[in-house]
Amino acid sequence: MKTAFPALLLALSLSGPAVGQLPQLRPELCGTPGGIVSLPPRLSAIGDGQSLQIQVLPNGGPAVTIRGPYEVAEACPLPDGRLVIFGDMMNGMSFSVVDPAVPSVVDTVFSYDPVLSPNGRWIVFRKFYPRSTERPASDEYLLYDFSVGPARNRAPGSSRDEDIDVGTSIYPAGWKNEFGDNVGAAEAQQHWHESAFYWSPDSRSILFADRNQGKDVLVLISIDQKGTATASVSPFPGGLDCDDPRASAKGRTAKPTGLRQVVFGPQMGGDRLLFVDFEGEACLPKTQQLHGGDFRPAQVEVRPPNPPGRKSVKRN
């Protein structure tokens, strides 16, 4: 017998907006870290360990079922009135597009670390891969576009039920989000995320850190007015000086260990000003100013075709 999870009440009021009535736990998924996400008058969810039932109508009515997650992490409204429901899956996180007017589930995608853009048009995420795979996995970074339907977020001929090979590949350059392309890559083409995703306020840029062949780089994704994304990279700064006495007492120069915060300056022509805050080892954080000119176009990495007769990867 399946164990029923307790109902997770995301908003309680039957009239008026639900702003601040019950703060959600992961507002950063909606692109508003530290903020409060406004929800419909009533929204609740209950899971049985394999799927979620989402109640989205204020006066009862039919619920919709989202397959995959066992618990809601966050619900985010889109500008067109639809909702994005982020669900914890123990291994990864799903995001589902729900139309409360029908109600219906428009699409569901399995992913890692999804983050909605501030304007609600895109979600950036890492491609899902099963933990049980025996072949080495690699990070592939994808972009889902809410301005087009599920079919246009999939390769031609892909099934509507496809929940992994979804979205446009934005990094590594040259990858195409094909079936199983993030599993079994050669060591020279294995990538690993080294930070969270940081969106610019205008939703035209994304910054994150990636590791390949033992080297860390900052990856800047630029999105034009047509929605086309291009990737450029800059070496991860190293050997930062640190005046913290704790560092000098240990007789070493502090090195940055990760991104803490990114502040995007204005876009001026082809240049984007960034203030990147690094967390140093045994020293205080330090901010470095970068320009778009500090980044170079990402080198194209051509993935070899999948081995003939390769069996499908089992999803868990």
Protein backbone atom coordinates (compact mmCIF):
# COMPACT_ATOMS: atom_id res chain seq x y z
CA MET A 1 0.00 0.00 0.00
CA LYS A 2 1.38 3.35 -0.96
CA THR A 3 1.93 5.84 1.79
CA ALA A 4 0.10 9.09 1.23
CA PHE A 5 2.15 12.22 1.78
CA PRO A 6 0.49 15.00 3.77
CA ALA A 7 -1.26 17.64 1.73
CA LEU A 8 1.01 20.57 1.02
CA LEU A 9 -1.09 23.73 1.21
CA LEU A 10 0.51 26.49 -0.81
CA ALA A 11 -2.21 29.14 -0.42
CA LEU A 12 -5.29 29.19 1.75
CA SER A 13 -7.49 32.14 0.94
CA LEU A 14 -10.66 31.66 -1.09
CA SER A 15 -10.82 35.32 -2.03
CA GLY A 16 -8.18 37.88 -2.92
CA PRO A 17 -4.55 37.32 -3.81
CA ALA A 18 -2.42 34.89 -1.87
CA VAL A 19 0.59 37.18 -1.54
CA GLY A 20 2.46 36.47 1.65
CA GLN A 21 -0.24 34.27 3.20
CA LEU A 22 1.98 31.20 3.23
CA PRO A 23 5.49 31.84 1.89
CA GLN A 24 6.84 29.14 -0.41
CA LEU A 25 10.15 27.46 0.32
CA ARG A 26 12.06 27.97 -2.96
CA PRO A 27 11.30 31.42 -4.47
CA GLU A 28 14.68 31.36 -6.24
CA LEU A 29 13.19 28.78 -8.62
CA CYS A 30 10.82 31.51 -9.80
CA GLY A 31 13.73 33.84 -10.45
CA THR A 32 12.95 35.88 -7.32
CA PRO A 33 15.43 34.76 -4.62
CA GLY A 34 14.37 36.01 -1.22
CA GLY A 35 11.05 37.28 -2.59
CA ILE A 36 7.40 36.31 -2.18
CA VAL A 37 5.60 34.54 -5.00
CA SER A 38 1.97 35.49 -5.65
CA LEU A 39 -0.28 32.49 -6.29
CA PRO A 40 -3.92 31.94 -7.29
CA PRO A 41 -6.51 32.19 -4.49
CA ARG A 42 -6.24 28.47 -3.77
CA LEU A 43 -3.61 25.95 -4.73
CA SER A 44 -2.93 22.64 -3.02
CA ALA A 45 -1.10 19.42 -3.80
CA ILE A 46 -0.97 15.89 -2.47
CA GLY A 47 1.42 13.11 -3.55
CA ASP A 48 1.59 9.34 -3.28
CA GLY A 49 5.32 8.95 -3.94
CA GLN A 50 4.99 8.57 -7.71
CA SER A 51 2.82 11.49 -8.81
CA LEU A 52 1.15 14.66 -7.59
CA GLN A 53 -2.45 15.77 -7.74
CA ILE A 54 -2.71 19.54 -8.07
CA GLN A 55 -5.90 21.37 -7.12
CA VAL A 56 -5.91 24.71 -8.92
CA LEU A 57 -9.55 25.86 -8.90
CA PRO A 58 -10.78 28.14 -6.08
CA ASN A 59 -14.12 26.36 -5.65
CA GLY A 60 -13.08 22.74 -5.97
CA GLY A 61 -13.45 20.95 -9.26
CA PRO A 62 -11.21 18.40 -10.96
CA ALA A 63 -7.56 18.08 -10.03
CA VAL A 64 -4.74 17.49 -12.47
CA THR A 65 -2.06 14.83 -12.02
CA ILE A 66 1.65 15.49 -12.52
CA ARG A 67 3.74 12.35 -12.96
CA GLY A 68 7.18 12.05 -11.48
CA PRO A 69 7.55 14.26 -8.38
CA TYR A 70 6.48 13.36 -4.88
CA GLU A 71 6.38 16.87 -3.41
CA VAL A 72 5.92 20.43 -4.63
CA ALA A 73 9.02 22.60 -4.18
CA GLU A 74 7.56 25.81 -5.62
CA ALA A 75 4.76 27.07 -7.85
CA CYS A 76 5.39 30.05 -10.12
CA PRO A 77 2.84 32.03 -12.14
CA LEU A 78 3.62 32.79 -15.78
CA PRO A 79 2.59 36.08 -17.45
CA ASP A 80 -0.08 34.29 -19.54
CA GLY A 81 -1.90 32.90 -16.46
CA ARG A 82 -0.39 29.42 -16.53
CA LEU A 83 1.61 27.97 -13.65
CA VAL A 84 4.98 26.25 -13.43
CA ILE A 85 4.99 23.59 -10.73
CA PHE A 86 8.46 22.56 -9.57
CA GLY A 87 8.47 19.09 -8.02
CA ASP A 88 11.11 17.29 -5.97
CA MET A 89 11.90 13.84 -7.38
CA MET A 90 14.63 12.77 -4.90
CA ASN A 91 16.86 12.38 -7.96
CA GLY A 92 16.48 15.71 -9.71
CA MET A 93 13.53 18.02 -10.06
CA SER A 94 10.66 18.18 -12.52
CA PHE A 95 8.90 21.26 -13.78
CA SER A 96 5.37 21.07 -15.17
CA VAL A 97 3.36 23.67 -17.05
CA VAL A 98 -0.21 23.71 -15.74
CA ASP A 99 -3.12 25.58 -17.32
CA PRO A 100 -5.56 26.30 -14.44
CA ALA A 101 -8.31 27.44 -16.83
CA VAL A 102 -8.86 23.91 -18.20
CA PRO A 103 -7.31 22.53 -15.91
CA SER A 104 -4.61 20.45 -17.58
CA VAL A 105 -0.91 19.65 -17.52
CA VAL A 106 0.58 21.13 -20.68
CA ASP A 107 4.07 19.68 -20.33
CA THR A 108 6.41 17.97 -17.84
CA VAL A 109 10.21 17.93 -17.96
CA PHE A 110 12.74 16.11 -15.76
CA SER A 111 15.79 18.21 -14.91
CA TYR A 112 18.42 19.35 -12.44
CA ASP A 113 18.57 22.85 -10.92
CA PRO A 114 15.86 24.54 -13.04
CA VAL A 115 15.51 28.32 -12.67
CA LEU A 116 12.79 30.46 -14.26
CA SER A 117 13.86 33.67 -16.00
CA PRO A 118 12.66 36.96 -14.43
CA ASN A 119 10.33 37.66 -17.38
CA GLY A 120 8.81 34.18 -17.19
CA ARG A 121 9.71 33.18 -20.75
CA TRP A 122 12.50 30.65 -20.16
CA ILE A 123 13.75 28.03 -17.75
CA VAL A 124 17.45 27.19 -17.71
CA PHE A 125 18.40 23.78 -16.33
CA ARG A 126 20.82 20.86 -16.45
CA LYS A 127 19.74 17.86 -18.47
CA PHE A 128 18.49 14.92 -16.43
CA TYR A 129 20.39 11.63 -16.30
CA PRO A 130 19.69 8.57 -14.15
CA ARG A 131 21.97 8.04 -11.16
CA SER A 132 21.97 4.32 -11.91
CA THR A 133 23.78 4.63 -15.24
CA GLU A 134 27.06 2.71 -15.40
CA ARG A 135 28.52 4.98 -18.06
CA PRO A 136 29.96 8.39 -17.07
CA ALA A 137 27.44 11.19 -17.13
CA SER A 138 28.09 14.80 -18.10
CA ASP A 139 26.28 18.08 -17.63
CA GLU A 140 24.46 19.55 -20.61
CA TYR A 141 22.80 22.94 -20.11
CA LEU A 142 19.39 23.50 -21.67
CA LEU A 143 16.81 26.24 -22.21
CA TYR A 144 13.03 25.71 -22.28
CA ASP A 145 10.96 28.39 -24.06
CA PHE A 146 7.43 29.03 -22.71
CA SER A 147 6.55 31.25 -25.67
CA VAL A 148 6.21 28.15 -27.87
CA GLY A 149 4.37 24.88 -27.29
CA PRO A 150 5.75 21.53 -26.11
CA ALA A 151 6.37 20.28 -29.67
CA ARG A 152 8.72 23.15 -30.51
CA ASN A 153 10.71 22.45 -27.34
CA ARG A 154 11.41 18.97 -28.70
CA ALA A 155 13.30 17.64 -31.69
CA PRO A 156 11.17 16.87 -34.75
CA GLY A 157 9.59 13.45 -34.42
CA SER A 158 10.02 13.29 -30.62
CA SER A 159 7.12 11.95 -28.59
CA ARG A 160 4.90 14.37 -26.70
CA ASP A 161 5.59 12.23 -23.62
CA GLU A 162 9.38 12.72 -23.89
CA ASP A 163 10.45 14.24 -20.55
CA ILE A 164 14.28 14.27 -20.73
CA ASP A 165 15.41 15.28 -24.24
CA VAL A 166 13.50 18.55 -24.00
CA GLY A 167 14.72 22.08 -24.60
CA THR A 168 17.50 23.72 -26.61
CA SER A 169 21.11 22.94 -25.77
CA ILE A 170 23.02 26.13 -24.89
CA TYR A 171 26.29 24.64 -23.57
CA PRO A 172 28.61 22.92 -24.39
CA ALA A 173 28.58 24.56 -27.79
CA GLY A 174 27.80 22.09 -30.54
CA TRP A 175 25.72 19.69 -28.44
CA LYS A 176 22.18 19.15 -29.72
CA ASN A 177 20.25 17.60 -26.81
CA GLU A 178 19.98 14.21 -28.48
CA PHE A 179 18.95 10.99 -26.81
CA GLY A 180 21.57 9.92 -24.27
CA ASP A 181 24.13 12.51 -25.35
CA ASN A 182 24.88 13.45 -21.71
CA VAL A 183 25.84 9.85 -20.85
CA GLY A 184 29.00 8.13 -22.06
CA ALA A 185 30.92 11.22 -23.16
CA ALA A 186 34.68 10.90 -23.51
CA GLU A 187 36.65 12.28 -20.56
CA ALA A 188 37.70 15.33 -22.58
CA GLN A 189 34.04 16.18 -23.13
CA GLN A 190 32.76 15.62 -19.61
CA HIS A 191 31.37 18.81 -18.06
CA TRP A 192 30.31 19.48 -14.48
CA HIS A 193 28.39 22.42 -13.07
CA GLU A 194 30.30 24.46 -10.50
CA SER A 195 27.62 26.98 -9.52
CA ALA A 196 23.97 27.87 -9.61
CA PHE A 197 22.44 29.72 -12.58
CA TYR A 198 22.29 33.52 -12.41
CA TRP A 199 19.82 35.39 -14.65
CA SER A 200 20.18 39.04 -15.57
CA PRO A 201 17.16 41.19 -14.61
CA ASP A 202 16.26 41.68 -18.29
CA SER A 203 16.33 37.89 -18.92
CA ARG A 204 18.85 38.36 -21.73
CA SER A 205 21.89 36.80 -20.01
CA ILE A 206 22.75 33.82 -17.82
CA LEU A 207 26.01 33.28 -15.96
CA PHE A 208 27.26 30.06 -14.37
CA ALA A 209 30.50 28.17 -13.77
CA ASP A 210 31.45 24.90 -15.48
CA ARG A 211 34.37 22.49 -15.14
CA ASN A 212 35.96 20.56 -18.00
CA GLN A 213 39.30 18.70 -17.96
CA GLY A 214 40.05 20.03 -14.49
CA LYS A 215 39.60 23.68 -15.46
CA ASP A 216 36.80 25.99 -14.36
CA VAL A 217 35.35 28.62 -16.65
CA LEU A 218 32.60 31.19 -16.35
CA VAL A 219 29.96 30.64 -19.01
CA LEU A 220 27.96 33.63 -20.25
CA ILE A 221 24.83 32.85 -22.25
CA SER A 222 23.49 35.76 -24.30
CA ILE A 223 19.93 35.65 -25.68
CA ASP A 224 18.93 37.92 -28.56
CA GLN A 225 15.50 39.36 -29.31
CA LYS A 226 14.57 36.29 -31.37
CA GLY A 227 15.41 33.99 -28.47
CA THR A 228 18.62 32.61 -29.99
CA ALA A 229 21.21 31.80 -27.32
CA THR A 230 25.00 31.95 -27.78
CA ALA A 231 27.67 30.88 -25.31
CA SER A 232 30.96 32.57 -24.44
CA VAL A 233 33.49 31.68 -21.75
CA SER A 234 36.06 33.35 -19.52
CA PRO A 235 38.69 31.69 -17.30
CA PHE A 236 37.61 31.32 -13.70
CA PRO A 237 39.64 33.94 -11.78
CA GLY A 238 42.30 32.48 -9.53
CA GLY A 239 45.02 33.58 -7.14
CA LEU A 240 42.97 36.44 -5.68
CA ASP A 241 44.85 38.45 -3.09
CA CYS A 242 43.29 38.38 0.35
CA ASP A 243 43.99 40.71 3.26
CA ASP A 244 42.15 38.54 5.76
CA PRO A 245 44.58 37.81 8.63
CA ARG A 246 43.26 34.25 8.82
CA ALA A 247 44.72 33.56 5.37
CA SER A 248 48.12 35.12 6.08
CA ALA A 249 48.30 33.30 9.42
CA LYS A 250 48.06 30.02 7.53
CA GLY A 251 50.77 31.17 5.14
CA ARG A 252 48.76 30.79 1.98
CA THR A 253 47.04 32.87 -0.64
CA ALA A 254 43.31 32.40 -0.68
CA LYS A 255 41.73 30.96 -3.80
CA PRO A 256 38.12 31.40 -4.87
CA THR A 257 35.99 28.34 -4.25
CA GLY A 258 32.76 29.32 -5.95
CA LEU A 259 30.29 31.97 -7.01
CA ARG A 260 28.28 33.65 -4.27
CA GLN A 261 26.46 36.32 -6.23
CA VAL A 262 26.39 37.93 -9.67
CA VAL A 263 25.21 41.46 -10.32
CA PHE A 264 24.51 42.35 -13.94
CA GLY A 265 25.19 45.86 -15.14
CA PRO A 266 23.51 47.44 -18.16
CA GLN A 267 23.79 45.96 -21.63
CA MET A 268 25.66 48.51 -23.73
CA GLY A 269 25.86 47.37 -27.32
CA GLY A 270 27.71 44.09 -27.30
CA ASP A 271 29.15 44.63 -23.84
CA ARG A 272 27.62 43.36 -20.62
CA LEU A 273 29.09 44.58 -17.33
CA LEU A 274 29.16 41.99 -14.55
CA PHE A 275 30.14 42.12 -10.91
CA VAL A 276 31.03 38.58 -9.87
CA ASP A 277 31.29 37.82 -6.15
CA PHE A 278 33.58 34.89 -5.36
CA GLU A 279 33.73 32.99 -2.11
CA GLY A 280 37.38 32.72 -1.16
CA GLU A 281 39.00 29.95 0.83
CA ALA A 282 39.85 31.16 4.35
CA CYS A 283 39.20 34.77 3.41
CA LEU A 284 36.43 37.25 2.89
CA PRO A 285 34.50 37.21 -0.38
CA LYS A 286 35.88 39.37 -3.13
CA THR A 287 34.15 40.94 -6.10
CA GLN A 288 35.63 41.13 -9.56
CA GLN A 289 34.35 43.31 -12.38
CA LEU A 290 34.06 41.68 -15.77
CA HIS A 291 33.01 42.94 -19.19
CA GLY A 292 31.51 41.16 -22.14
CA GLY A 293 34.88 41.62 -23.83
CA ASP A 294 36.48 39.36 -21.20
CA PHE A 295 34.58 36.42 -22.69
CA ARG A 296 35.46 34.58 -25.89
CA PRO A 297 33.12 32.45 -28.04
CA ALA A 298 32.76 28.94 -26.64
CA GLN A 299 34.64 26.32 -28.64
CA VAL A 300 32.37 23.92 -30.50
CA GLU A 301 32.54 20.35 -29.19
CA VAL A 302 31.27 17.79 -31.68
CA ARG A 303 29.80 14.77 -29.92
CA PRO A 304 30.43 11.49 -31.72
CA PRO A 305 27.32 9.51 -32.71
CA ASN A 306 25.90 7.08 -30.20
CA PRO A 307 27.36 3.56 -30.52
CA PRO A 308 25.24 1.34 -32.77
CA GLY A 309 22.86 -0.95 -30.94
CA ARG A 310 23.15 0.98 -27.68
CA LYS A 311 20.35 0.09 -25.30
CA SER A 312 18.07 2.75 -23.93
CA VAL A 313 19.11 4.24 -20.63
CA LYS A 314 16.83 3.10 -17.83
CA ARG A 315 15.13 6.02 -16.09
CA ASN A 316 14.52 5.94 -12.40
